[in-house]
N, C-alpha and C. Protein backbone atom coordinates (compact mmCIF):
# COMPACT_ATOMS: atom_id res chain seq x y z
N MET A 1 12.12 6.39 14.61
CA MET A 1 11.49 6.48 15.91
C MET A 1 10.01 6.16 15.79
N SER A 2 9.52 5.28 16.62
CA SER A 2 8.13 4.86 16.55
C SER A 2 7.22 5.90 17.22
N TYR A 3 5.95 5.89 16.83
CA TYR A 3 4.98 6.73 17.50
C TYR A 3 3.58 6.13 17.37
N ILE A 4 2.72 6.48 18.30
CA ILE A 4 1.34 6.01 18.32
C ILE A 4 0.52 6.92 17.42
N VAL A 5 -0.24 6.31 16.52
CA VAL A 5 -1.07 7.06 15.58
C VAL A 5 -2.29 7.62 16.32
N ASP A 6 -2.51 8.91 16.17
CA ASP A 6 -3.65 9.60 16.77
C ASP A 6 -4.77 9.64 15.74
N PHE A 7 -5.88 8.97 16.03
CA PHE A 7 -6.97 8.94 15.07
C PHE A 7 -7.98 10.07 15.29
N LYS A 8 -7.75 10.88 16.31
CA LYS A 8 -8.62 12.04 16.52
C LYS A 8 -8.06 13.27 15.83
N ASN A 9 -6.75 13.40 15.82
CA ASN A 9 -6.07 14.50 15.12
C ASN A 9 -5.17 13.88 14.06
N VAL A 10 -5.73 13.66 12.88
CA VAL A 10 -5.03 12.96 11.81
C VAL A 10 -3.85 13.79 11.33
N SER A 11 -2.68 13.15 11.25
CA SER A 11 -1.46 13.81 10.83
C SER A 11 -0.81 13.04 9.69
N THR A 12 -0.16 13.77 8.78
CA THR A 12 0.58 13.13 7.68
C THR A 12 2.02 12.84 8.07
N LEU A 13 2.37 12.99 9.33
CA LEU A 13 3.72 12.73 9.81
C LEU A 13 4.21 11.37 9.32
N GLY A 14 5.35 11.37 8.64
CA GLY A 14 5.93 10.14 8.13
C GLY A 14 5.45 9.77 6.74
N LEU A 15 4.40 10.42 6.27
CA LEU A 15 3.80 10.08 4.98
C LEU A 15 3.88 11.25 3.98
N GLU A 16 4.63 12.27 4.33
CA GLU A 16 4.65 13.51 3.54
C GLU A 16 5.04 13.32 2.08
N SER A 17 5.86 12.31 1.78
CA SER A 17 6.32 12.13 0.40
C SER A 17 5.27 11.47 -0.50
N SER A 18 4.18 11.02 0.07
CA SER A 18 3.13 10.37 -0.72
C SER A 18 2.30 11.41 -1.48
N PRO A 19 1.97 11.14 -2.76
CA PRO A 19 1.11 12.06 -3.50
C PRO A 19 -0.32 12.08 -2.94
N VAL A 20 -0.68 11.10 -2.14
CA VAL A 20 -1.99 11.05 -1.50
C VAL A 20 -1.81 11.01 0.02
N ALA A 21 -0.90 11.83 0.52
CA ALA A 21 -0.51 11.80 1.94
C ALA A 21 -1.70 11.96 2.88
N GLU A 22 -2.60 12.89 2.58
CA GLU A 22 -3.73 13.12 3.50
C GLU A 22 -4.66 11.91 3.53
N ALA A 23 -4.95 11.33 2.37
CA ALA A 23 -5.81 10.14 2.32
C ALA A 23 -5.13 8.96 2.99
N LEU A 24 -3.83 8.81 2.78
CA LEU A 24 -3.08 7.71 3.40
C LEU A 24 -3.04 7.90 4.92
N ALA A 25 -2.89 9.13 5.37
CA ALA A 25 -2.92 9.42 6.81
C ALA A 25 -4.29 9.06 7.38
N GLY A 26 -5.35 9.34 6.63
CA GLY A 26 -6.70 8.96 7.06
C GLY A 26 -6.86 7.45 7.14
N LEU A 27 -6.28 6.75 6.17
CA LEU A 27 -6.32 5.29 6.16
C LEU A 27 -5.58 4.72 7.36
N ARG A 28 -4.42 5.29 7.64
CA ARG A 28 -3.63 4.85 8.81
C ARG A 28 -4.40 5.14 10.10
N ALA A 29 -5.04 6.29 10.18
CA ALA A 29 -5.83 6.65 11.36
C ALA A 29 -7.03 5.72 11.51
N ASN A 30 -7.61 5.32 10.38
CA ASN A 30 -8.72 4.38 10.40
C ASN A 30 -8.28 3.04 11.02
N GLU A 31 -7.08 2.58 10.68
CA GLU A 31 -6.54 1.36 11.28
C GLU A 31 -6.34 1.56 12.79
N ALA A 32 -5.81 2.71 13.17
CA ALA A 32 -5.58 3.00 14.59
C ALA A 32 -6.89 2.99 15.37
N ARG A 33 -7.92 3.58 14.78
CA ARG A 33 -9.23 3.61 15.44
C ARG A 33 -9.77 2.18 15.61
N TYR A 34 -9.61 1.36 14.58
CA TYR A 34 -10.06 -0.04 14.64
C TYR A 34 -9.42 -0.78 15.82
N PHE A 35 -8.10 -0.68 15.96
CA PHE A 35 -7.41 -1.40 17.03
C PHE A 35 -7.77 -0.86 18.41
N MET A 36 -8.00 0.43 18.51
CA MET A 36 -8.37 0.99 19.80
C MET A 36 -9.81 0.60 20.15
N THR A 37 -10.71 0.67 19.18
CA THR A 37 -12.11 0.35 19.43
C THR A 37 -12.31 -1.14 19.72
N LYS A 38 -11.73 -1.99 18.88
CA LYS A 38 -11.96 -3.43 19.00
C LYS A 38 -11.12 -4.09 20.10
N TYR A 39 -9.86 -3.68 20.22
CA TYR A 39 -8.95 -4.36 21.14
C TYR A 39 -8.41 -3.50 22.28
N LYS A 40 -8.73 -2.22 22.28
CA LYS A 40 -8.16 -1.28 23.28
C LYS A 40 -6.64 -1.29 23.21
N HIS A 41 -6.11 -1.35 21.98
CA HIS A 41 -4.67 -1.44 21.76
C HIS A 41 -4.22 -0.27 20.90
N PRO A 42 -3.20 0.49 21.33
CA PRO A 42 -2.69 1.59 20.50
C PRO A 42 -2.04 1.06 19.24
N PHE A 43 -2.12 1.83 18.16
CA PHE A 43 -1.54 1.46 16.87
C PHE A 43 -0.26 2.26 16.70
N THR A 44 0.87 1.56 16.80
CA THR A 44 2.18 2.21 16.74
C THR A 44 2.82 1.93 15.40
N VAL A 45 3.37 2.97 14.77
CA VAL A 45 4.07 2.81 13.49
C VAL A 45 5.55 3.15 13.65
N VAL A 46 6.34 2.57 12.75
CA VAL A 46 7.79 2.75 12.74
C VAL A 46 8.19 3.13 11.31
N PRO A 47 9.12 4.07 11.15
CA PRO A 47 9.59 4.39 9.79
C PRO A 47 10.15 3.14 9.11
N ALA A 48 9.93 3.04 7.81
CA ALA A 48 10.41 1.88 7.05
C ALA A 48 11.92 1.70 7.20
N SER A 49 12.63 2.80 7.31
CA SER A 49 14.09 2.73 7.44
C SER A 49 14.54 2.02 8.72
N GLU A 50 13.64 1.90 9.69
CA GLU A 50 13.96 1.26 10.96
C GLU A 50 13.27 -0.10 11.13
N SER A 51 12.63 -0.58 10.07
CA SER A 51 11.84 -1.80 10.24
C SER A 51 11.95 -2.74 9.03
N GLN A 52 13.17 -2.93 8.56
CA GLN A 52 13.39 -3.77 7.38
C GLN A 52 12.92 -5.20 7.60
N GLU A 53 13.06 -5.72 8.80
CA GLU A 53 12.62 -7.09 9.09
C GLU A 53 11.11 -7.26 8.86
N THR A 54 10.34 -6.26 9.26
CA THR A 54 8.88 -6.29 9.06
C THR A 54 8.55 -6.23 7.58
N ILE A 55 9.24 -5.37 6.85
CA ILE A 55 9.02 -5.25 5.40
C ILE A 55 9.37 -6.56 4.70
N ASP A 56 10.48 -7.16 5.09
CA ASP A 56 10.91 -8.44 4.49
C ASP A 56 9.89 -9.55 4.75
N TYR A 57 9.31 -9.57 5.94
CA TYR A 57 8.29 -10.56 6.30
C TYR A 57 7.09 -10.46 5.35
N VAL A 58 6.59 -9.24 5.16
CA VAL A 58 5.44 -9.03 4.28
C VAL A 58 5.82 -9.34 2.83
N LYS A 59 7.00 -8.89 2.41
CA LYS A 59 7.47 -9.18 1.04
C LYS A 59 7.53 -10.68 0.78
N ARG A 60 8.04 -11.42 1.74
CA ARG A 60 8.18 -12.88 1.58
C ARG A 60 6.82 -13.55 1.42
N ILE A 61 5.86 -13.16 2.23
CA ILE A 61 4.51 -13.73 2.12
C ILE A 61 3.91 -13.40 0.75
N LEU A 62 4.00 -12.14 0.33
CA LEU A 62 3.43 -11.73 -0.96
C LEU A 62 4.08 -12.48 -2.12
N LYS A 63 5.39 -12.61 -2.07
CA LYS A 63 6.13 -13.29 -3.14
C LYS A 63 5.80 -14.78 -3.18
N GLN A 64 5.84 -15.44 -2.02
CA GLN A 64 5.62 -16.88 -1.99
C GLN A 64 4.17 -17.28 -2.23
N GLU A 65 3.24 -16.48 -1.75
CA GLU A 65 1.82 -16.83 -1.87
C GLU A 65 1.24 -16.47 -3.25
N ARG A 66 1.60 -15.29 -3.77
CA ARG A 66 0.97 -14.80 -5.00
C ARG A 66 1.93 -14.23 -6.03
N ASN A 67 3.23 -14.36 -5.79
CA ASN A 67 4.26 -13.83 -6.70
C ASN A 67 4.06 -12.32 -6.94
N ILE A 68 3.80 -11.60 -5.86
CA ILE A 68 3.59 -10.15 -5.93
C ILE A 68 4.80 -9.45 -5.33
N GLU A 69 5.34 -8.48 -6.07
CA GLU A 69 6.42 -7.63 -5.57
C GLU A 69 6.06 -6.20 -5.93
N PHE A 70 5.88 -5.35 -4.92
CA PHE A 70 5.49 -3.97 -5.17
C PHE A 70 6.69 -3.09 -5.48
N ALA A 71 6.51 -2.24 -6.48
CA ALA A 71 7.56 -1.28 -6.85
C ALA A 71 7.55 -0.08 -5.91
N ALA A 72 6.39 0.20 -5.32
CA ALA A 72 6.25 1.38 -4.45
C ALA A 72 7.17 1.29 -3.24
N LYS A 73 7.56 2.46 -2.76
CA LYS A 73 8.46 2.56 -1.61
C LYS A 73 7.66 2.46 -0.30
N PRO A 74 8.08 1.55 0.60
CA PRO A 74 7.44 1.50 1.93
C PRO A 74 7.83 2.75 2.74
N LEU A 75 6.85 3.33 3.42
CA LEU A 75 7.12 4.50 4.26
C LEU A 75 7.12 4.15 5.75
N GLU A 76 6.16 3.34 6.15
CA GLU A 76 6.03 2.99 7.57
C GLU A 76 5.53 1.56 7.72
N THR A 77 5.77 1.00 8.89
CA THR A 77 5.26 -0.33 9.21
C THR A 77 4.68 -0.32 10.62
N SER A 78 3.92 -1.37 10.88
CA SER A 78 3.42 -1.61 12.23
C SER A 78 3.39 -3.11 12.43
N SER A 79 3.78 -3.53 13.60
CA SER A 79 3.74 -4.95 13.93
C SER A 79 3.29 -5.07 15.37
N LEU A 80 2.21 -5.82 15.59
CA LEU A 80 1.69 -5.97 16.94
C LEU A 80 1.00 -7.31 17.08
N GLN A 81 0.84 -7.73 18.30
CA GLN A 81 0.09 -8.94 18.57
C GLN A 81 -1.01 -8.61 19.55
N VAL A 82 -2.24 -8.99 19.17
CA VAL A 82 -3.40 -8.82 20.03
C VAL A 82 -4.03 -10.19 20.18
N GLU A 83 -4.17 -10.62 21.42
CA GLU A 83 -4.68 -11.96 21.71
C GLU A 83 -3.83 -12.98 20.95
N ASN A 84 -4.44 -13.81 20.10
CA ASN A 84 -3.68 -14.83 19.38
C ASN A 84 -3.41 -14.43 17.92
N ILE A 85 -3.52 -13.14 17.63
CA ILE A 85 -3.35 -12.66 16.25
C ILE A 85 -2.14 -11.75 16.14
N LYS A 86 -1.28 -12.08 15.19
CA LYS A 86 -0.16 -11.21 14.85
C LYS A 86 -0.61 -10.35 13.67
N TRP A 87 -0.55 -9.05 13.82
CA TRP A 87 -0.93 -8.10 12.77
C TRP A 87 0.33 -7.38 12.29
N THR A 88 0.51 -7.32 10.99
CA THR A 88 1.64 -6.61 10.40
C THR A 88 1.11 -5.71 9.29
N HIS A 89 1.51 -4.45 9.30
CA HIS A 89 1.08 -3.49 8.28
C HIS A 89 2.30 -2.86 7.62
N VAL A 90 2.16 -2.57 6.33
CA VAL A 90 3.13 -1.75 5.61
C VAL A 90 2.35 -0.70 4.84
N PHE A 91 2.73 0.56 5.03
CA PHE A 91 2.12 1.69 4.32
C PHE A 91 3.09 2.16 3.26
N TYR A 92 2.64 2.17 2.00
CA TYR A 92 3.49 2.50 0.86
C TYR A 92 3.24 3.92 0.38
N GLU A 93 4.27 4.48 -0.26
CA GLU A 93 4.23 5.86 -0.73
C GLU A 93 3.09 6.14 -1.71
N ASP A 94 2.72 5.15 -2.53
CA ASP A 94 1.67 5.38 -3.53
C ASP A 94 0.27 5.41 -2.94
N GLY A 95 0.12 5.07 -1.65
CA GLY A 95 -1.19 5.09 -1.00
C GLY A 95 -1.72 3.71 -0.65
N LEU A 96 -0.94 2.69 -0.92
CA LEU A 96 -1.33 1.31 -0.61
C LEU A 96 -0.98 0.97 0.83
N ALA A 97 -1.90 0.28 1.48
CA ALA A 97 -1.64 -0.28 2.81
C ALA A 97 -1.84 -1.79 2.71
N VAL A 98 -0.84 -2.54 3.11
CA VAL A 98 -0.91 -4.01 3.12
C VAL A 98 -0.91 -4.44 4.57
N ASN A 99 -1.85 -5.34 4.92
CA ASN A 99 -1.83 -5.87 6.27
C ASN A 99 -1.88 -7.39 6.23
N VAL A 100 -1.15 -7.99 7.14
CA VAL A 100 -1.13 -9.44 7.29
C VAL A 100 -1.76 -9.76 8.63
N LEU A 101 -2.84 -10.55 8.59
CA LEU A 101 -3.50 -11.05 9.78
C LEU A 101 -3.08 -12.50 9.88
N TYR A 102 -2.39 -12.86 10.96
CA TYR A 102 -1.83 -14.20 11.09
C TYR A 102 -2.17 -14.76 12.46
N THR A 103 -3.19 -15.60 12.53
CA THR A 103 -3.52 -16.21 13.82
C THR A 103 -2.47 -17.25 14.16
N LEU A 104 -2.08 -17.29 15.40
CA LEU A 104 -1.01 -18.17 15.84
C LEU A 104 -1.49 -19.60 16.08
N ASP A 105 -2.80 -19.77 16.29
CA ASP A 105 -3.30 -21.11 16.62
C ASP A 105 -4.38 -21.63 15.66
N ASP A 106 -4.66 -20.90 14.57
CA ASP A 106 -5.70 -21.34 13.63
C ASP A 106 -5.28 -21.02 12.20
N PRO A 107 -4.69 -21.99 11.50
CA PRO A 107 -4.22 -21.74 10.13
C PRO A 107 -5.32 -21.35 9.15
N LYS A 108 -6.58 -21.55 9.52
CA LYS A 108 -7.68 -21.19 8.62
C LYS A 108 -7.98 -19.69 8.66
N LYS A 109 -7.45 -19.00 9.64
CA LYS A 109 -7.72 -17.57 9.78
C LYS A 109 -6.44 -16.76 9.59
N ARG A 110 -5.91 -16.82 8.38
CA ARG A 110 -4.71 -16.07 8.04
C ARG A 110 -4.93 -15.45 6.67
N ALA A 111 -4.65 -14.16 6.56
CA ALA A 111 -4.93 -13.48 5.30
C ALA A 111 -4.05 -12.26 5.11
N VAL A 112 -3.94 -11.85 3.86
CA VAL A 112 -3.29 -10.59 3.50
C VAL A 112 -4.37 -9.67 2.95
N GLY A 113 -4.42 -8.45 3.48
CA GLY A 113 -5.39 -7.47 3.01
C GLY A 113 -4.70 -6.33 2.31
N PHE A 114 -5.37 -5.80 1.30
CA PHE A 114 -4.88 -4.62 0.57
C PHE A 114 -5.91 -3.52 0.74
N LYS A 115 -5.47 -2.34 1.08
CA LYS A 115 -6.36 -1.17 1.15
C LYS A 115 -5.73 -0.06 0.33
N LEU A 116 -6.55 0.56 -0.50
CA LEU A 116 -6.08 1.64 -1.36
C LEU A 116 -6.62 2.97 -0.83
N ALA A 117 -5.73 3.91 -0.58
CA ALA A 117 -6.14 5.24 -0.12
C ALA A 117 -6.91 5.92 -1.23
N GLU A 118 -7.85 6.76 -0.83
CA GLU A 118 -8.66 7.50 -1.81
C GLU A 118 -7.74 8.32 -2.72
N GLY A 119 -7.98 8.24 -4.01
CA GLY A 119 -7.20 9.01 -4.97
C GLY A 119 -6.08 8.24 -5.64
N MET A 120 -5.80 7.03 -5.18
CA MET A 120 -4.74 6.25 -5.83
C MET A 120 -5.35 5.26 -6.80
N GLU A 121 -4.60 4.93 -7.83
CA GLU A 121 -5.03 3.92 -8.79
C GLU A 121 -4.68 2.54 -8.23
N VAL A 122 -5.34 1.51 -8.75
CA VAL A 122 -4.98 0.14 -8.38
C VAL A 122 -3.56 -0.10 -8.88
N PRO A 123 -2.65 -0.54 -8.00
CA PRO A 123 -1.27 -0.79 -8.43
C PRO A 123 -1.24 -1.84 -9.55
N LYS A 124 -0.33 -1.65 -10.49
CA LYS A 124 -0.24 -2.58 -11.63
C LYS A 124 -0.02 -4.01 -11.17
N GLU A 125 0.63 -4.18 -10.02
CA GLU A 125 0.90 -5.52 -9.48
C GLU A 125 -0.39 -6.24 -9.07
N LEU A 126 -1.47 -5.48 -8.85
CA LEU A 126 -2.74 -6.07 -8.41
C LEU A 126 -3.84 -6.02 -9.48
N GLU A 127 -3.59 -5.28 -10.56
CA GLU A 127 -4.59 -5.12 -11.62
C GLU A 127 -5.05 -6.45 -12.17
N GLY A 128 -6.36 -6.62 -12.23
CA GLY A 128 -6.93 -7.83 -12.80
C GLY A 128 -6.82 -9.07 -11.93
N LYS A 129 -6.13 -8.98 -10.81
CA LYS A 129 -5.94 -10.15 -9.93
C LYS A 129 -6.93 -10.16 -8.77
N PHE A 130 -7.42 -8.98 -8.40
CA PHE A 130 -8.31 -8.86 -7.25
C PHE A 130 -9.46 -7.91 -7.58
N LYS A 131 -10.61 -8.20 -6.99
CA LYS A 131 -11.74 -7.27 -7.05
C LYS A 131 -11.70 -6.47 -5.75
N PHE A 132 -11.94 -5.17 -5.87
CA PHE A 132 -11.87 -4.30 -4.71
C PHE A 132 -13.25 -3.82 -4.29
N ALA A 133 -13.58 -4.06 -3.04
CA ALA A 133 -14.83 -3.57 -2.46
C ALA A 133 -14.60 -2.17 -1.93
N ARG A 134 -15.64 -1.37 -1.88
CA ARG A 134 -15.54 -0.01 -1.36
C ARG A 134 -16.11 0.06 0.05
N GLN A 135 -15.45 0.88 0.85
CA GLN A 135 -15.88 1.08 2.24
C GLN A 135 -15.75 2.57 2.52
N LYS A 136 -16.77 3.16 3.13
CA LYS A 136 -16.72 4.57 3.51
C LYS A 136 -16.12 4.70 4.91
N SER A 137 -15.30 5.72 5.07
CA SER A 137 -14.67 5.98 6.36
C SER A 137 -14.67 7.48 6.60
N LYS A 138 -15.05 7.89 7.81
CA LYS A 138 -15.01 9.32 8.14
C LYS A 138 -13.58 9.83 8.12
N LEU A 139 -12.63 8.98 8.46
CA LEU A 139 -11.23 9.39 8.51
C LEU A 139 -10.54 9.32 7.15
N ALA A 140 -10.93 8.35 6.32
CA ALA A 140 -10.17 8.08 5.09
C ALA A 140 -10.97 8.26 3.80
N GLY A 141 -12.21 8.72 3.89
CA GLY A 141 -13.01 8.85 2.67
C GLY A 141 -13.43 7.47 2.19
N THR A 142 -13.23 7.21 0.90
CA THR A 142 -13.58 5.90 0.35
C THR A 142 -12.32 5.04 0.28
N ILE A 143 -12.37 3.91 0.97
CA ILE A 143 -11.27 2.96 0.96
C ILE A 143 -11.69 1.81 0.05
N ARG A 144 -10.80 1.41 -0.83
CA ARG A 144 -11.04 0.21 -1.63
C ARG A 144 -10.16 -0.90 -1.06
N GLY A 145 -10.75 -2.06 -0.84
CA GLY A 145 -9.99 -3.13 -0.23
C GLY A 145 -10.24 -4.49 -0.85
N SER A 146 -9.27 -5.37 -0.66
CA SER A 146 -9.36 -6.75 -1.11
C SER A 146 -8.45 -7.59 -0.22
N PHE A 147 -8.50 -8.91 -0.38
CA PHE A 147 -7.65 -9.78 0.44
C PHE A 147 -7.47 -11.12 -0.23
N PHE A 148 -6.55 -11.90 0.30
CA PHE A 148 -6.45 -13.31 -0.05
C PHE A 148 -6.05 -14.09 1.20
N VAL A 149 -6.41 -15.37 1.21
CA VAL A 149 -6.12 -16.26 2.34
C VAL A 149 -4.70 -16.80 2.20
N ILE A 150 -3.97 -16.80 3.29
CA ILE A 150 -2.59 -17.34 3.32
C ILE A 150 -2.67 -18.85 3.49
N LYS A 151 -1.95 -19.56 2.63
CA LYS A 151 -1.95 -21.02 2.70
C LYS A 151 -0.71 -21.58 3.41
N GLY A 152 0.41 -20.89 3.33
CA GLY A 152 1.67 -21.37 3.91
C GLY A 152 1.84 -21.02 5.37
N GLU A 153 2.99 -21.41 5.90
CA GLU A 153 3.35 -21.12 7.30
C GLU A 153 4.44 -20.04 7.31
N TYR A 154 4.24 -19.00 8.09
CA TYR A 154 5.22 -17.92 8.17
C TYR A 154 5.45 -17.56 9.62
């Protein structure tokens, strides 16, 4: 069952099995605040068990673009379109959040972003492949993030 993420009252609902559930909930709330502030759009998440198509989409891009396959279990996803941008998110049990920004009319503005919840280690699948910048967030503490540009069509 889907629900809108509340960024004012941060909840670990759906993320309880994560060893960094509170930090991951803060990271998810940070995403929700971004979409509400920038686009006036609610951020809705769906349990991974109900959104295999979304997970497969992100997996395919990661595999084809960079030969990355995460061992971590997906917990939730989000898929939305704002203006000409399709946004897809997957939140993993280990504290990783992957987002795909895919503009529908500009192939130069397509990317995959990785965000690490505070307290999690860099996943072995990303070690040595990406440099992670730090960002402070009132909701999520310190977020480490990186990205790569998508070259293919999805």
